[in-house]
Amino acid sequence: MEQDRRLGLALGINQTLSWGMTFYLPAVIAGPAAATLGASGFAILGAFSWALLVTGLCAPRVGRWIDRHGGRGVLATSVVVMAAGQVLLACAPSLAVWYLAWTVIGAGMALGLYDAAFATTGTLLGNAAGPVITGITLLAGFASTVFWSLGAALIGPFGWRGLLLVYAALMLAVNLPLVLALVPAGTGPGRAGSAGAGGPRRRIDRMAVLYLASFFTIRWFVTSAIAVHVLKLLHGVGLGEAAAVAVAAMIGPGQVLGRIVEWSVGGRVGLLTRARVAALLFPLGAAGLLLGGPLAAGAFALLYGMSNGILTINRGTLPLALFGPTGYATLLGWLAMPVLLAQATAPTLVAPLVAALPALDVLLLAGGLAGAAVVLLVPLRLPVEATVAEA
């Protein structure tokens, strides 16, 4: 138990650092980098979408490697690769090098963000990984708040290039030793091709895999589209600039609140029930926008954040419960690929829709699509042994 808590704390801090200094980086440096490089904001942010495509394409291979060899080496490598990408970004003299640097960071994100951390936890702990995965996401839920604030504070005195060098130093001086010292090497109950402590390999229901992959792909497509356009959409439902920013800021705390709720009720409510309820929170919040006003918008942001927060946990816990720990990392990598590709393409694909339709209609369409996706969770059933273990 003490070892599990130590692993959860180590990976929670690792994920906070890794997410904060990669995924949430464009929000801080995109504007000044565009001015320095003489490029449009669209071209600068396009590199981040490209990085997500790279992450998605690399994810299955990363999962297979973790299944065979464990995750510590992969997570340690991710830190070095991310730091190298940050240094390359800091030195970028042109848009071409900017894209090259984001290609490196995209590979690092495949090696070191949630899917790799979940896979590492699953291979080490087997069926007991669920609570640790929840703990990891609970800590890492503060990544955006911490690093948007830290980035805004440091970019003034250091500039965007200096900020990137500071981040690279933090990666190597803090994140790398953390992984090497506190994440166990090798594999455990979830190692590929072994019954081990995780029990025999379960027969993989391909339709269940398809349902799960489709659900998460739809949800993350919608979430990624809203994340990019959220301020414009909130303006469009009648909020002023300050109110829109305040409401959008509630999404992050909503994610953390959702994860706390997931952690607190986990032993009393079944995993699939929790996932289905969480999936419905976003459509309910979107429907509430029909009432109009700041309170309805605030409720939407809170419910939307809670839904995303819980479903982030479920991306790790549902495949483990449904299909078992054997081969878990490989499966997680394949499930991650369409989700990441959806994240990468959604903002661009949805932009014409946001420009053409009233904001309320866009949000209602998003809620309707998210609500329809819940149907994909209905046919899923936990194996008897997973249900007993959860209880």
Protein backbone atom coordinates (compact mmCIF):
# COMPACT_ATOMS: atom_id res chain seq x y z
CA MET A 1 0.00 0.00 0.00
CA GLU A 2 2.83 2.41 0.90
CA GLN A 3 4.56 1.56 -2.38
CA ASP A 4 1.33 2.25 -4.28
CA ARG A 5 0.96 5.66 -2.64
CA ARG A 6 4.58 6.48 -3.42
CA LEU A 7 4.08 5.50 -7.06
CA GLY A 8 0.89 7.57 -7.30
CA LEU A 9 2.61 10.62 -5.79
CA ALA A 10 5.67 10.28 -8.03
CA LEU A 11 3.65 9.88 -11.22
CA GLY A 12 1.22 12.60 -10.16
CA ILE A 13 4.08 15.08 -9.85
CA ASN A 14 5.67 13.72 -13.03
CA GLN A 15 2.46 14.22 -14.97
CA THR A 16 1.94 17.71 -13.57
CA LEU A 17 5.40 18.71 -14.79
CA SER A 18 5.15 16.92 -18.12
CA TRP A 19 1.68 18.22 -19.02
CA GLY A 20 2.38 21.72 -17.76
CA MET A 21 5.60 22.16 -19.76
CA THR A 22 4.38 20.58 -23.03
CA PHE A 23 0.62 20.36 -23.62
CA TYR A 24 -0.15 23.66 -21.90
CA LEU A 25 2.88 25.44 -23.35
CA PRO A 26 1.32 26.96 -26.52
CA ALA A 27 -1.12 29.10 -24.53
CA VAL A 28 1.86 30.92 -22.98
CA ILE A 29 4.38 31.20 -25.82
CA ALA A 30 2.32 31.15 -29.06
CA GLY A 31 1.74 34.92 -29.20
CA PRO A 32 5.31 36.12 -28.58
CA ALA A 33 6.78 33.30 -30.69
CA ALA A 34 4.59 34.28 -33.64
CA ALA A 35 5.83 37.87 -33.37
CA THR A 36 9.48 36.79 -33.17
CA LEU A 37 9.31 34.30 -36.03
CA GLY A 38 7.14 36.51 -38.20
CA ALA A 39 4.49 33.81 -38.54
CA SER A 40 0.73 33.79 -38.16
CA GLY A 41 -0.89 32.47 -35.01
CA PHE A 42 -2.53 29.77 -37.13
CA ALA A 43 0.86 28.54 -38.38
CA ILE A 44 2.36 28.60 -34.88
CA LEU A 45 -0.53 26.66 -33.31
CA GLY A 46 -0.63 24.31 -36.29
CA ALA A 47 2.67 22.90 -35.02
CA PHE A 48 0.95 21.85 -31.81
CA SER A 49 -1.76 20.03 -33.77
CA TRP A 50 1.02 18.35 -35.72
CA ALA A 51 2.66 17.32 -32.43
CA LEU A 52 -0.58 15.66 -31.32
CA LEU A 53 -0.70 13.73 -34.59
CA VAL A 54 2.84 12.52 -33.92
CA THR A 55 1.82 11.55 -30.39
CA GLY A 56 -1.13 9.53 -31.66
CA LEU A 57 0.90 7.71 -34.30
CA CYS A 58 3.60 6.80 -31.76
CA ALA A 59 1.20 5.69 -28.99
CA PRO A 60 0.68 2.01 -30.02
CA ARG A 61 4.42 1.37 -30.27
CA VAL A 62 5.00 2.99 -26.87
CA GLY A 63 2.30 0.79 -25.33
CA ARG A 64 3.88 -2.39 -26.70
CA TRP A 65 7.27 -1.38 -25.33
CA ILE A 66 5.86 -0.71 -21.85
CA ASP A 67 4.11 -4.09 -21.85
CA ARG A 68 7.38 -5.85 -22.62
CA HIS A 69 9.89 -3.83 -20.62
CA GLY A 70 7.99 -1.72 -18.08
CA GLY A 71 7.45 2.01 -18.02
CA ARG A 72 10.27 3.58 -16.02
CA GLY A 73 12.68 3.68 -18.95
CA VAL A 74 9.98 5.06 -21.24
CA LEU A 75 8.99 7.81 -18.80
CA ALA A 76 12.63 8.73 -18.20
CA THR A 77 13.25 8.85 -21.94
CA SER A 78 10.19 11.06 -22.35
CA VAL A 79 11.66 13.65 -20.01
CA VAL A 80 14.90 13.80 -22.00
CA VAL A 81 13.05 13.97 -25.33
CA MET A 82 10.70 16.70 -24.10
CA ALA A 83 13.65 18.71 -22.78
CA ALA A 84 15.46 18.32 -26.11
CA GLY A 85 12.35 19.58 -27.91
CA GLN A 86 12.13 22.57 -25.59
CA VAL A 87 15.76 23.50 -26.23
CA LEU A 88 15.19 23.15 -29.97
CA LEU A 89 12.09 25.38 -29.69
CA ALA A 90 14.08 27.97 -27.75
CA CYS A 91 16.71 28.07 -30.51
CA ALA A 92 14.23 27.97 -33.44
CA PRO A 93 15.19 30.62 -36.03
CA SER A 94 12.37 29.75 -38.41
CA LEU A 95 8.98 28.13 -38.72
CA ALA A 96 10.56 24.97 -40.16
CA VAL A 97 12.67 24.43 -37.02
CA TRP A 98 9.63 25.31 -34.89
CA TYR A 99 7.73 22.42 -36.50
CA LEU A 100 10.74 20.11 -36.12
CA ALA A 101 10.91 20.95 -32.42
CA TRP A 102 7.21 20.21 -31.96
CA THR A 103 7.74 16.89 -33.74
CA VAL A 104 10.29 16.01 -31.05
CA ILE A 105 7.94 17.16 -28.29
CA GLY A 106 5.10 15.14 -29.85
CA ALA A 107 7.23 12.00 -29.59
CA GLY A 108 8.05 12.94 -26.00
CA MET A 109 4.35 13.35 -25.17
CA ALA A 110 3.66 9.87 -26.54
CA LEU A 111 6.38 8.53 -24.27
CA GLY A 112 5.41 10.48 -21.18
CA LEU A 113 1.83 11.76 -20.77
CA TYR A 114 -1.24 10.07 -19.26
CA ASP A 115 -1.41 7.01 -21.50
CA ALA A 116 2.19 6.08 -20.76
CA ALA A 117 1.75 6.80 -17.03
CA PHE A 118 -1.45 4.73 -16.88
CA ALA A 119 0.21 1.92 -18.82
CA THR A 120 3.18 1.96 -16.46
CA THR A 121 0.87 1.80 -13.44
CA GLY A 122 -1.18 -1.02 -14.97
CA THR A 123 1.86 -3.15 -15.77
CA LEU A 124 3.22 -2.66 -12.25
CA LEU A 125 0.04 -3.08 -10.20
CA GLY A 126 -2.36 -5.06 -12.39
CA ASN A 127 -5.98 -4.91 -11.27
CA ALA A 128 -5.00 -2.80 -8.24
CA ALA A 129 -3.98 0.14 -10.47
CA GLY A 130 -7.34 1.94 -10.47
CA PRO A 131 -6.97 4.00 -7.26
CA VAL A 132 -3.41 4.97 -8.20
CA ILE A 133 -4.57 6.15 -11.63
CA THR A 134 -7.20 8.29 -9.91
CA GLY A 135 -4.54 9.77 -7.62
CA ILE A 136 -2.27 10.56 -10.58
CA THR A 137 -4.98 12.50 -12.39
CA LEU A 138 -6.05 14.26 -9.20
CA LEU A 139 -2.58 15.73 -8.74
CA ALA A 140 -2.02 16.45 -12.43
CA GLY A 141 -5.35 18.26 -12.65
CA PHE A 142 -3.52 21.35 -11.41
CA ALA A 143 -0.99 21.34 -14.28
CA SER A 144 -2.72 24.03 -16.33
CA THR A 145 -3.29 26.33 -13.35
CA VAL A 146 0.29 26.00 -12.11
CA PHE A 147 2.08 26.32 -15.43
CA TRP A 148 -0.10 28.97 -17.04
CA SER A 149 0.59 31.09 -13.95
CA LEU A 150 4.28 30.16 -13.80
CA GLY A 151 4.73 30.75 -17.52
CA ALA A 152 3.05 34.14 -17.35
CA ALA A 153 5.31 35.13 -14.43
CA LEU A 154 8.56 33.98 -16.09
CA ILE A 155 8.01 35.03 -19.68
CA GLY A 156 8.40 38.70 -18.73
CA PRO A 157 11.93 38.54 -17.30
CA PHE A 158 13.19 35.64 -19.42
CA GLY A 159 11.29 35.97 -22.70
CA TRP A 160 9.68 32.98 -24.40
CA ARG A 161 13.04 31.48 -25.41
CA GLY A 162 14.39 31.80 -21.87
CA LEU A 163 11.20 30.29 -20.45
CA LEU A 164 11.71 27.22 -22.62
CA LEU A 165 15.27 26.82 -21.36
CA VAL A 166 14.03 27.10 -17.76
CA TYR A 167 11.46 24.39 -18.50
CA ALA A 168 14.10 22.14 -20.07
CA ALA A 169 16.27 22.58 -16.97
CA LEU A 170 13.33 21.72 -14.70
CA MET A 171 12.67 18.62 -16.78
CA LEU A 172 16.21 17.34 -16.36
CA ALA A 173 16.85 18.53 -12.80
CA VAL A 174 13.49 17.61 -11.21
CA ASN A 175 11.37 15.38 -13.43
CA LEU A 176 14.08 12.96 -14.54
CA PRO A 177 15.48 12.15 -11.06
CA LEU A 178 11.92 11.81 -9.77
CA VAL A 179 11.11 9.09 -12.32
CA LEU A 180 14.42 7.25 -11.90
CA ALA A 181 14.24 7.29 -8.10
CA LEU A 182 10.58 6.52 -7.43
CA VAL A 183 9.15 4.56 -10.36
CA PRO A 184 10.03 0.85 -10.10
CA ALA A 185 11.77 -0.79 -13.02
CA GLY A 186 10.39 -3.77 -14.91
CA THR A 187 6.84 -5.06 -14.93
CA GLY A 188 4.41 -6.61 -12.49
CA PRO A 189 1.00 -8.33 -12.73
CA GLY A 190 0.16 -6.66 -16.02
CA ARG A 191 3.18 -7.85 -18.00
CA ALA A 192 2.44 -9.00 -21.53
CA GLY A 193 2.02 -12.66 -22.24
CA SER A 194 1.94 -13.74 -18.62
CA ALA A 195 -0.76 -14.83 -16.27
CA GLY A 196 1.26 -13.72 -13.26
CA ALA A 197 -0.56 -12.13 -10.39
CA GLY A 198 -2.96 -10.52 -12.79
CA GLY A 199 -4.63 -13.79 -13.70
CA PRO A 200 -5.02 -15.42 -17.10
CA ARG A 201 -5.37 -13.42 -20.27
CA ARG A 202 -9.01 -12.54 -20.91
CA ARG A 203 -10.53 -12.98 -24.32
CA ILE A 204 -10.64 -9.55 -25.91
CA ASP A 205 -14.13 -8.62 -27.06
CA ARG A 206 -13.39 -6.64 -30.22
CA MET A 207 -16.80 -5.01 -30.24
CA ALA A 208 -16.23 -3.78 -26.69
CA VAL A 209 -12.88 -2.33 -27.77
CA LEU A 210 -14.61 -0.63 -30.71
CA TYR A 211 -17.34 0.82 -28.48
CA LEU A 212 -14.79 2.13 -25.99
CA ALA A 213 -12.48 3.60 -28.64
CA SER A 214 -15.40 5.26 -30.43
CA PHE A 215 -16.75 6.75 -27.22
CA PHE A 216 -13.46 8.30 -26.15
CA THR A 217 -12.67 9.49 -29.68
CA ILE A 218 -16.01 11.33 -29.93
CA ARG A 219 -15.67 12.83 -26.47
CA TRP A 220 -12.12 14.05 -26.97
CA PHE A 221 -12.99 15.42 -30.42
CA VAL A 222 -15.73 17.53 -28.84
CA THR A 223 -13.58 18.49 -25.85
CA SER A 224 -10.63 19.57 -27.99
CA ALA A 225 -12.88 21.66 -30.24
CA ILE A 226 -14.47 23.44 -27.28
CA ALA A 227 -11.13 24.02 -25.55
CA VAL A 228 -9.82 26.08 -28.46
CA HIS A 229 -13.02 28.06 -29.08
CA VAL A 230 -14.38 28.29 -25.52
CA LEU A 231 -13.99 32.05 -25.01
CA LYS A 232 -15.60 32.87 -28.34
CA LEU A 233 -18.46 30.49 -27.60
CA LEU A 234 -19.04 31.93 -24.13
CA HIS A 235 -19.05 35.45 -25.60
CA GLY A 236 -21.63 34.17 -28.07
CA VAL A 237 -24.05 33.05 -25.35
CA GLY A 238 -24.17 36.56 -23.93
CA LEU A 239 -21.23 36.84 -21.54
CA GLY A 240 -18.94 39.85 -21.47
CA GLU A 241 -15.18 39.46 -21.72
CA ALA A 242 -14.49 39.32 -17.99
CA ALA A 243 -17.44 36.99 -17.34
CA ALA A 244 -16.40 34.67 -20.17
CA VAL A 245 -12.88 34.38 -18.76
CA ALA A 246 -14.24 33.78 -15.25
CA VAL A 247 -16.62 31.05 -16.46
CA ALA A 248 -13.94 29.39 -18.58
CA ALA A 249 -11.67 29.38 -15.52
CA MET A 250 -14.23 27.18 -13.72
CA ILE A 251 -13.56 24.27 -16.09
CA GLY A 252 -10.23 23.42 -14.44
CA PRO A 253 -11.59 23.32 -10.87
CA GLY A 254 -14.53 21.32 -12.24
CA GLN A 255 -12.10 18.69 -13.51
CA VAL A 256 -10.44 18.44 -10.12
CA LEU A 257 -13.84 18.32 -8.38
CA GLY A 258 -14.93 15.50 -10.68
CA ARG A 259 -11.82 13.52 -9.82
CA ILE A 260 -12.40 14.06 -6.10
CA VAL A 261 -15.97 12.80 -6.50
CA GLU A 262 -14.69 9.79 -8.47
CA TRP A 263 -12.17 9.03 -5.74
CA SER A 264 -14.69 9.45 -2.90
CA VAL A 265 -17.50 7.31 -4.33
CA GLY A 266 -15.34 4.71 -6.07
CA GLY A 267 -15.96 1.97 -3.54
CA ARG A 268 -19.75 2.44 -3.48
CA VAL A 269 -20.73 2.98 -7.13
CA GLY A 270 -19.78 0.65 -9.96
CA LEU A 271 -17.11 1.76 -12.42
CA LEU A 272 -19.35 1.61 -15.50
CA THR A 273 -22.11 3.46 -13.68
CA ARG A 274 -19.67 6.21 -12.71
CA ALA A 275 -18.45 6.46 -16.31
CA ARG A 276 -21.98 6.67 -17.74
CA VAL A 277 -23.05 9.33 -15.24
CA ALA A 278 -19.87 11.31 -15.91
CA ALA A 279 -20.48 11.12 -19.65
CA LEU A 280 -23.98 12.58 -19.16
CA LEU A 281 -22.83 15.60 -17.13
CA PHE A 282 -21.62 17.46 -20.20
CA PRO A 283 -24.87 17.05 -22.20
CA LEU A 284 -26.85 18.12 -19.12
CA GLY A 285 -24.72 21.22 -18.72
CA ALA A 286 -25.13 22.08 -22.40
CA ALA A 287 -28.91 21.70 -22.16
CA GLY A 288 -28.89 24.03 -19.14
CA LEU A 289 -27.54 26.81 -21.37
CA LEU A 290 -31.06 27.14 -22.77
CA LEU A 291 -31.96 28.87 -19.49
CA GLY A 292 -29.55 31.67 -20.34
CA GLY A 293 -27.49 33.91 -18.09
CA PRO A 294 -24.17 33.68 -16.23
CA LEU A 295 -25.43 31.09 -13.74
CA ALA A 296 -26.36 28.66 -16.51
CA ALA A 297 -22.99 29.26 -18.18
CA GLY A 298 -21.19 28.68 -14.89
CA ALA A 299 -23.11 25.45 -14.30
CA PHE A 300 -22.21 24.33 -17.82
CA ALA A 301 -18.49 25.00 -17.22
CA LEU A 302 -18.56 23.14 -13.91
CA LEU A 303 -20.43 20.09 -15.24
CA TYR A 304 -18.34 20.02 -18.40
CA GLY A 305 -15.15 20.12 -16.33
CA MET A 306 -16.37 17.40 -13.96
CA SER A 307 -17.30 15.19 -16.90
CA ASN A 308 -13.87 15.60 -18.50
CA GLY A 309 -12.09 15.06 -15.19
CA ILE A 310 -13.80 11.76 -14.46
CA LEU A 311 -13.54 10.47 -18.02
CA THR A 312 -9.80 11.15 -18.03
CA ILE A 313 -9.55 8.64 -15.18
CA ASN A 314 -11.82 6.24 -17.04
CA ARG A 315 -9.48 6.26 -20.03
CA GLY A 316 -7.10 4.35 -17.79
CA THR A 317 -9.44 2.39 -15.53
CA LEU A 318 -12.12 1.16 -17.96
CA PRO A 319 -9.76 -0.77 -20.30
CA LEU A 320 -8.06 -2.32 -17.27
CA ALA A 321 -11.35 -3.46 -15.72
CA LEU A 322 -12.90 -4.65 -19.00
CA PHE A 323 -9.93 -6.47 -20.51
CA GLY A 324 -7.55 -7.18 -17.64
CA PRO A 325 -3.94 -6.20 -16.96
CA THR A 326 -2.30 -8.61 -19.40
CA GLY A 327 -1.43 -6.65 -22.52
CA TYR A 328 -2.98 -3.55 -20.94
CA ALA A 329 -0.28 -1.11 -22.08
CA THR A 330 -0.48 -2.27 -25.68
CA LEU A 331 -4.26 -1.93 -25.71
CA LEU A 332 -4.04 1.51 -24.12
CA GLY A 333 -1.67 2.62 -26.87
CA TRP A 334 -4.08 1.52 -29.60
CA LEU A 335 -7.01 3.19 -27.82
CA ALA A 336 -5.00 6.39 -27.50
CA MET A 337 -4.24 6.72 -31.21
CA PRO A 338 -7.74 7.67 -32.50
CA VAL A 339 -8.32 9.88 -29.45
CA LEU A 340 -5.15 11.87 -30.08
CA LEU A 341 -5.83 12.14 -33.79
CA ALA A 342 -9.29 13.50 -32.95
CA GLN A 343 -7.74 16.02 -30.56
CA ALA A 344 -5.32 17.18 -33.22
CA THR A 345 -7.88 17.70 -35.99
CA ALA A 346 -10.98 18.86 -34.09
CA PRO A 347 -10.16 22.59 -33.70
CA THR A 348 -9.52 23.04 -37.43
CA LEU A 349 -12.48 20.93 -38.55
CA VAL A 350 -14.91 22.68 -36.21
CA ALA A 351 -13.71 26.25 -36.89
CA PRO A 352 -16.03 26.79 -39.92
CA LEU A 353 -18.98 25.57 -37.85
CA VAL A 354 -18.13 27.97 -35.03
CA ALA A 355 -17.92 30.81 -37.54
CA ALA A 356 -21.20 29.95 -39.29
CA LEU A 357 -23.59 29.07 -36.42
CA PRO A 358 -24.74 30.88 -33.27
CA ALA A 359 -22.64 29.90 -30.26
CA LEU A 360 -25.59 28.38 -28.42
CA ASP A 361 -26.33 26.10 -31.37
CA VAL A 362 -22.70 24.97 -31.48
CA LEU A 363 -22.68 24.13 -27.78
CA LEU A 364 -26.02 22.32 -28.03
CA LEU A 365 -24.72 20.31 -30.99
CA ALA A 366 -21.61 19.44 -28.98
CA GLY A 367 -23.74 18.37 -26.04
CA GLY A 368 -25.99 16.33 -28.30
CA LEU A 369 -23.01 14.53 -29.84
CA ALA A 370 -21.58 13.85 -26.39
CA GLY A 371 -24.98 12.56 -25.25
CA ALA A 372 -25.24 10.26 -28.26
CA ALA A 373 -21.79 8.88 -27.46
CA VAL A 374 -23.07 7.65 -24.08
CA VAL A 375 -25.00 4.96 -25.99
CA LEU A 376 -21.63 3.37 -26.78
CA LEU A 377 -21.08 2.69 -23.07
CA VAL A 378 -24.42 0.91 -22.61
CA PRO A 379 -23.43 -2.51 -24.06
CA LEU A 380 -20.22 -2.73 -21.97
CA ARG A 381 -20.18 -5.23 -19.12
CA LEU A 382 -17.47 -5.82 -16.54
CA PRO A 383 -16.23 -9.41 -16.12
CA VAL A 384 -17.37 -11.07 -12.90
CA GLU A 385 -13.89 -11.04 -11.37
CA ALA A 386 -13.50 -7.31 -12.07
CA THR A 387 -16.84 -6.59 -10.43
CA VAL A 388 -15.86 -8.59 -7.35
CA ALA A 389 -12.44 -6.89 -7.18
CA GLU A 390 -14.02 -3.45 -7.40
CA ALA A 391 -16.44 -4.22 -4.61
